[in-house]
């Protein structure tokens, strides 16, 4: 089982990034996929979720209107499009897959928003 995040990097305030999380080793379409992030000295927080049934989405208030989560079942990949980035979005972003009591995590990708 693998979740491999990519797409992080350094971006100026107001810029955009698209994170990808490529999944393998499990039935991707059965899992609810979530992006979390963790900033230095802070707890990990949920950023966005897309459910396995119906593809409903949920966003943290801090990113609502700026971030968009989507998935591609044919590619076993979940994306996080991040627009209008702010310095407070700086964190390590993690991909999570959850189905019943099963949880998988990626290794994380660093996003730094700075001028």
N, C-alpha and C. Protein backbone atom coordinates (compact mmCIF):
# COMPACT_ATOMS: atom_id res chain seq x y z
N UNK A 1 0.84 -1.20 0.00
CA UNK A 1 0.00 0.00 0.00
C UNK A 1 0.88 1.25 0.00
N UNK A 2 0.57 2.15 -0.91
CA UNK A 2 1.34 3.41 -0.97
C UNK A 2 0.45 4.58 -1.27
N UNK A 3 0.75 5.70 -0.60
CA UNK A 3 0.20 7.00 -0.95
C UNK A 3 1.40 7.91 -1.15
N UNK A 4 1.54 8.44 -2.34
CA UNK A 4 2.71 9.26 -2.65
C UNK A 4 2.26 10.65 -3.05
N UNK A 5 2.57 11.62 -2.19
CA UNK A 5 2.22 13.01 -2.48
C UNK A 5 3.30 13.67 -3.32
N UNK A 6 2.89 14.62 -4.13
CA UNK A 6 3.81 15.43 -4.91
C UNK A 6 3.18 16.77 -5.20
N UNK A 7 4.02 17.70 -5.70
CA UNK A 7 3.49 19.00 -6.11
C UNK A 7 3.77 20.13 -5.14
N UNK A 8 4.35 19.82 -3.99
CA UNK A 8 4.67 20.88 -3.05
C UNK A 8 5.84 21.72 -3.54
N UNK A 9 6.10 22.80 -2.81
CA UNK A 9 7.21 23.66 -3.17
C UNK A 9 7.09 25.02 -2.54
N UNK A 10 7.90 25.94 -3.05
CA UNK A 10 7.90 27.33 -2.57
C UNK A 10 7.11 28.18 -3.54
N UNK A 11 6.19 28.97 -3.01
CA UNK A 11 5.36 29.83 -3.85
C UNK A 11 5.15 31.16 -3.14
N UNK A 12 4.99 32.21 -3.92
CA UNK A 12 4.75 33.53 -3.33
C UNK A 12 3.30 33.66 -2.88
N UNK A 13 3.05 34.52 -1.91
CA UNK A 13 1.66 34.79 -1.52
C UNK A 13 0.82 35.18 -2.73
N UNK A 14 -0.39 34.61 -2.77
CA UNK A 14 -1.28 34.84 -3.90
C UNK A 14 -1.12 33.84 -5.02
N UNK A 15 -0.09 33.02 -4.93
CA UNK A 15 0.17 32.03 -5.97
C UNK A 15 -0.66 30.77 -5.80
N UNK A 16 -0.40 29.80 -6.69
CA UNK A 16 -1.15 28.55 -6.71
C UNK A 16 -0.22 27.35 -6.77
N UNK A 17 -0.70 26.26 -6.24
CA UNK A 17 -0.04 24.96 -6.36
C UNK A 17 -1.12 23.90 -6.49
N UNK A 18 -0.77 22.80 -7.14
CA UNK A 18 -1.64 21.64 -7.16
C UNK A 18 -0.90 20.44 -6.61
N UNK A 19 -1.41 19.92 -5.52
CA UNK A 19 -0.86 18.71 -4.92
C UNK A 19 -1.54 17.49 -5.51
N UNK A 20 -0.76 16.42 -5.65
CA UNK A 20 -1.29 15.14 -6.11
C UNK A 20 -0.95 14.07 -5.09
N UNK A 21 -1.83 13.09 -4.99
CA UNK A 21 -1.59 11.93 -4.13
C UNK A 21 -1.94 10.69 -4.94
N UNK A 22 -0.93 9.96 -5.31
CA UNK A 22 -1.11 8.75 -6.11
C UNK A 22 -1.19 7.54 -5.19
N UNK A 23 -2.26 6.77 -5.35
CA UNK A 23 -2.51 5.62 -4.48
C UNK A 23 -2.26 4.32 -5.22
N UNK A 24 -1.79 3.33 -4.48
CA UNK A 24 -1.61 2.00 -5.05
C UNK A 24 -1.71 0.97 -3.94
N UNK A 25 -2.10 -0.23 -4.33
CA UNK A 25 -2.13 -1.33 -3.38
C UNK A 25 -3.45 -1.53 -2.66
N UNK A 26 -4.44 -0.72 -2.98
CA UNK A 26 -5.77 -0.90 -2.37
C UNK A 26 -6.81 -0.38 -3.35
N UNK A 27 -8.08 -0.68 -3.07
CA UNK A 27 -9.17 -0.29 -3.96
C UNK A 27 -9.53 1.16 -3.70
N UNK A 28 -8.94 2.03 -4.48
CA UNK A 28 -9.01 3.48 -4.26
C UNK A 28 -10.44 3.99 -4.14
N UNK A 29 -11.32 3.50 -4.98
CA UNK A 29 -12.68 4.04 -5.06
C UNK A 29 -13.50 3.78 -3.80
N UNK A 30 -13.04 2.87 -2.94
CA UNK A 30 -13.78 2.55 -1.72
C UNK A 30 -13.45 3.52 -0.58
N UNK A 31 -12.41 4.30 -0.77
CA UNK A 31 -11.86 5.07 0.34
C UNK A 31 -12.26 6.54 0.28
N UNK A 32 -12.54 7.09 1.45
CA UNK A 32 -12.67 8.53 1.59
C UNK A 32 -11.26 9.11 1.66
N UNK A 33 -11.03 10.12 0.84
CA UNK A 33 -9.69 10.70 0.75
C UNK A 33 -9.68 12.09 1.39
N UNK A 34 -8.66 12.34 2.16
CA UNK A 34 -8.55 13.59 2.90
C UNK A 34 -7.14 14.15 2.81
N UNK A 35 -7.06 15.46 2.69
CA UNK A 35 -5.79 16.16 2.83
C UNK A 35 -5.75 16.79 4.22
N UNK A 36 -4.63 16.55 4.90
CA UNK A 36 -4.35 17.19 6.18
C UNK A 36 -3.10 18.04 6.00
N UNK A 37 -2.87 18.91 6.98
CA UNK A 37 -1.60 19.64 6.99
C UNK A 37 -1.15 19.85 8.42
N UNK A 38 0.16 20.01 8.55
CA UNK A 38 0.74 20.26 9.87
C UNK A 38 1.84 21.31 9.75
N UNK A 39 1.62 22.43 10.42
CA UNK A 39 2.61 23.50 10.45
C UNK A 39 3.53 23.28 11.65
N UNK A 40 4.72 23.84 11.61
CA UNK A 40 5.66 23.68 12.73
C UNK A 40 5.04 24.13 14.05
N UNK A 41 5.13 23.27 15.05
CA UNK A 41 4.62 23.61 16.37
C UNK A 41 3.12 23.52 16.52
N UNK A 42 2.44 23.07 15.48
CA UNK A 42 0.98 22.98 15.53
C UNK A 42 0.52 21.55 15.31
N UNK A 43 -0.73 21.29 15.70
CA UNK A 43 -1.30 19.97 15.49
C UNK A 43 -1.71 19.80 14.02
N UNK A 44 -1.76 18.54 13.62
CA UNK A 44 -2.23 18.25 12.27
C UNK A 44 -3.71 18.63 12.18
N UNK A 45 -4.09 19.26 11.06
CA UNK A 45 -5.47 19.68 10.89
C UNK A 45 -6.00 19.21 9.54
N UNK A 46 -7.30 18.94 9.52
CA UNK A 46 -7.96 18.54 8.29
C UNK A 46 -8.10 19.74 7.38
N UNK A 47 -7.78 19.56 6.11
CA UNK A 47 -7.89 20.63 5.13
C UNK A 47 -9.11 20.41 4.23
N UNK A 48 -9.21 19.23 3.65
CA UNK A 48 -10.31 18.95 2.72
C UNK A 48 -10.52 17.45 2.60
N UNK A 49 -11.80 17.07 2.40
CA UNK A 49 -12.18 15.67 2.29
C UNK A 49 -13.07 15.48 1.08
N UNK A 50 -12.93 14.33 0.42
CA UNK A 50 -13.87 13.94 -0.61
C UNK A 50 -14.31 12.52 -0.30
N UNK A 51 -15.62 12.32 -0.21
CA UNK A 51 -16.13 11.04 0.26
C UNK A 51 -16.13 10.00 -0.86
N UNK A 52 -16.12 8.74 -0.41
CA UNK A 52 -16.08 7.64 -1.38
C UNK A 52 -17.42 7.44 -2.06
N UNK A 53 -18.49 7.81 -1.39
CA UNK A 53 -19.83 7.66 -1.95
C UNK A 53 -20.35 9.03 -2.34
N UNK A 54 -20.58 9.25 -3.58
CA UNK A 54 -21.16 10.49 -4.04
C UNK A 54 -20.17 11.61 -4.29
N UNK A 55 -18.96 11.45 -3.79
CA UNK A 55 -17.95 12.47 -4.03
C UNK A 55 -18.24 13.78 -3.35
N UNK A 56 -18.93 13.76 -2.21
CA UNK A 56 -19.17 15.01 -1.48
C UNK A 56 -17.86 15.55 -0.94
N UNK A 57 -17.78 16.86 -0.85
CA UNK A 57 -16.55 17.50 -0.38
C UNK A 57 -16.81 18.32 0.87
N UNK A 58 -15.76 18.45 1.65
CA UNK A 58 -15.80 19.26 2.87
C UNK A 58 -14.48 20.00 2.97
N UNK A 59 -14.55 21.25 3.43
CA UNK A 59 -13.34 22.07 3.55
C UNK A 59 -13.27 22.73 4.92
N UNK A 60 -12.07 22.87 5.41
CA UNK A 60 -11.86 23.68 6.59
C UNK A 60 -12.21 25.13 6.25
N UNK A 61 -12.71 25.86 7.22
CA UNK A 61 -13.11 27.24 6.98
C UNK A 61 -11.93 28.08 6.46
N UNK A 62 -10.74 27.75 6.91
CA UNK A 62 -9.58 28.55 6.56
C UNK A 62 -9.19 28.44 5.09
N UNK A 63 -9.69 27.42 4.40
CA UNK A 63 -9.32 27.23 2.98
C UNK A 63 -10.53 27.29 2.06
N UNK A 64 -11.72 27.39 2.62
CA UNK A 64 -12.93 27.40 1.81
C UNK A 64 -12.90 28.54 0.80
N UNK A 65 -13.22 28.21 -0.45
CA UNK A 65 -13.20 29.21 -1.50
C UNK A 65 -11.86 29.38 -2.18
N UNK A 66 -10.81 28.80 -1.59
CA UNK A 66 -9.47 28.91 -2.18
C UNK A 66 -8.93 27.55 -2.64
N UNK A 67 -9.28 26.50 -1.93
CA UNK A 67 -8.78 25.16 -2.24
C UNK A 67 -9.90 24.31 -2.82
N UNK A 68 -9.53 23.38 -3.69
CA UNK A 68 -10.49 22.45 -4.27
C UNK A 68 -9.90 21.05 -4.26
N UNK A 69 -10.65 20.10 -3.69
CA UNK A 69 -10.23 18.70 -3.70
C UNK A 69 -10.99 17.98 -4.79
N UNK A 70 -10.30 17.07 -5.47
CA UNK A 70 -10.94 16.28 -6.51
C UNK A 70 -10.22 14.95 -6.61
N UNK A 71 -10.88 13.98 -7.25
CA UNK A 71 -10.19 12.71 -7.44
C UNK A 71 -10.42 12.19 -8.84
N UNK A 72 -9.55 11.30 -9.23
CA UNK A 72 -9.61 10.64 -10.52
C UNK A 72 -9.48 9.15 -10.26
N UNK A 73 -10.62 8.46 -10.23
CA UNK A 73 -10.60 7.03 -9.91
C UNK A 73 -9.85 6.22 -10.97
N UNK A 74 -9.85 6.70 -12.19
CA UNK A 74 -9.14 5.97 -13.24
C UNK A 74 -7.62 6.02 -13.02
N UNK A 75 -7.16 7.10 -12.40
CA UNK A 75 -5.72 7.26 -12.14
C UNK A 75 -5.36 6.96 -10.69
N UNK A 76 -6.38 6.62 -9.87
CA UNK A 76 -6.14 6.37 -8.43
C UNK A 76 -5.40 7.53 -7.78
N UNK A 77 -5.87 8.72 -8.08
CA UNK A 77 -5.18 9.93 -7.62
C UNK A 77 -6.17 10.93 -7.07
N UNK A 78 -5.80 11.57 -5.99
CA UNK A 78 -6.57 12.68 -5.44
C UNK A 78 -5.72 13.94 -5.54
N UNK A 79 -6.38 15.05 -5.80
CA UNK A 79 -5.69 16.32 -6.02
C UNK A 79 -6.16 17.36 -5.01
N UNK A 80 -5.31 18.32 -4.77
CA UNK A 80 -5.69 19.50 -3.99
C UNK A 80 -5.19 20.72 -4.74
N UNK A 81 -6.12 21.42 -5.37
CA UNK A 81 -5.78 22.67 -6.06
C UNK A 81 -5.84 23.79 -5.03
N UNK A 82 -4.72 24.49 -4.88
CA UNK A 82 -4.62 25.54 -3.87
C UNK A 82 -4.36 26.87 -4.57
N UNK A 83 -5.30 27.78 -4.44
CA UNK A 83 -5.19 29.11 -5.04
C UNK A 83 -5.13 30.17 -3.95
N UNK A 84 -4.71 31.35 -4.33
CA UNK A 84 -4.65 32.49 -3.40
C UNK A 84 -3.94 32.09 -2.10
N UNK A 85 -2.81 31.47 -2.26
CA UNK A 85 -2.09 30.96 -1.09
C UNK A 85 -1.61 32.08 -0.18
N UNK A 86 -1.62 31.77 1.10
CA UNK A 86 -1.22 32.72 2.14
C UNK A 86 -0.05 32.15 2.93
N UNK A 87 0.73 32.99 3.57
CA UNK A 87 1.84 32.47 4.40
C UNK A 87 1.36 31.46 5.44
N UNK A 88 0.17 31.65 5.96
CA UNK A 88 -0.35 30.72 6.98
C UNK A 88 -0.73 29.36 6.40
N UNK A 89 -0.67 29.20 5.09
CA UNK A 89 -0.88 27.88 4.48
C UNK A 89 0.40 27.05 4.50
N UNK A 90 1.49 27.63 4.92
CA UNK A 90 2.76 26.91 4.98
C UNK A 90 2.66 25.74 5.95
N UNK A 91 2.97 24.55 5.45
CA UNK A 91 2.85 23.33 6.26
C UNK A 91 3.33 22.14 5.43
N UNK A 92 3.44 21.02 6.10
CA UNK A 92 3.57 19.75 5.40
C UNK A 92 2.16 19.22 5.16
N UNK A 93 1.87 18.88 3.92
CA UNK A 93 0.55 18.40 3.54
C UNK A 93 0.59 16.89 3.37
N UNK A 94 -0.36 16.23 4.01
CA UNK A 94 -0.43 14.77 4.01
C UNK A 94 -1.72 14.30 3.37
N UNK A 95 -1.61 13.20 2.67
CA UNK A 95 -2.76 12.54 2.07
C UNK A 95 -3.17 11.37 2.96
N UNK A 96 -4.47 11.21 3.15
CA UNK A 96 -5.00 10.13 3.98
C UNK A 96 -6.10 9.40 3.23
N UNK A 97 -6.11 8.08 3.35
CA UNK A 97 -7.17 7.26 2.79
C UNK A 97 -7.82 6.48 3.93
N UNK A 98 -9.14 6.54 4.02
CA UNK A 98 -9.84 5.89 5.13
C UNK A 98 -11.04 5.10 4.62
N UNK A 99 -11.15 3.87 5.12
CA UNK A 99 -12.30 3.03 4.84
C UNK A 99 -12.58 2.20 6.06
N UNK A 100 -13.71 2.42 6.69
CA UNK A 100 -14.08 1.76 7.96
C UNK A 100 -12.94 2.01 8.96
N UNK A 101 -12.27 0.96 9.41
CA UNK A 101 -11.23 1.13 10.42
C UNK A 101 -9.83 1.15 9.82
N UNK A 102 -9.74 1.19 8.52
CA UNK A 102 -8.44 1.17 7.85
C UNK A 102 -8.02 2.58 7.47
N UNK A 103 -6.79 2.91 7.82
CA UNK A 103 -6.23 4.24 7.58
C UNK A 103 -4.88 4.11 6.90
N UNK A 104 -4.68 4.84 5.82
CA UNK A 104 -3.35 4.89 5.19
C UNK A 104 -2.92 6.35 5.10
N UNK A 105 -1.61 6.56 5.24
CA UNK A 105 -1.04 7.92 5.19
C UNK A 105 0.12 7.97 4.20
N UNK A 106 0.25 9.12 3.56
CA UNK A 106 1.42 9.37 2.75
C UNK A 106 2.53 9.96 3.60
N UNK A 107 3.65 10.24 2.94
CA UNK A 107 4.82 10.73 3.68
C UNK A 107 4.84 12.25 3.82
N UNK A 108 3.97 12.92 3.08
CA UNK A 108 3.86 14.37 3.17
C UNK A 108 4.66 15.10 2.12
N UNK A 109 4.20 16.31 1.80
CA UNK A 109 4.91 17.18 0.87
C UNK A 109 4.89 18.60 1.44
N UNK A 110 6.04 19.26 1.40
CA UNK A 110 6.17 20.58 2.01
C UNK A 110 5.62 21.65 1.08
N UNK A 111 4.80 22.52 1.65
CA UNK A 111 4.33 23.71 0.95
C UNK A 111 4.80 24.93 1.76
N UNK A 112 5.52 25.81 1.11
CA UNK A 112 6.00 27.02 1.75
C UNK A 112 5.52 28.23 0.96
N UNK A 113 4.80 29.11 1.64
CA UNK A 113 4.29 30.32 1.01
C UNK A 113 5.04 31.51 1.60
N UNK A 114 5.87 32.10 0.78
CA UNK A 114 6.72 33.18 1.27
C UNK A 114 7.19 34.04 0.12
N UNK A 115 7.38 35.32 0.41
CA UNK A 115 7.92 36.23 -0.59
C UNK A 115 9.44 36.34 -0.44
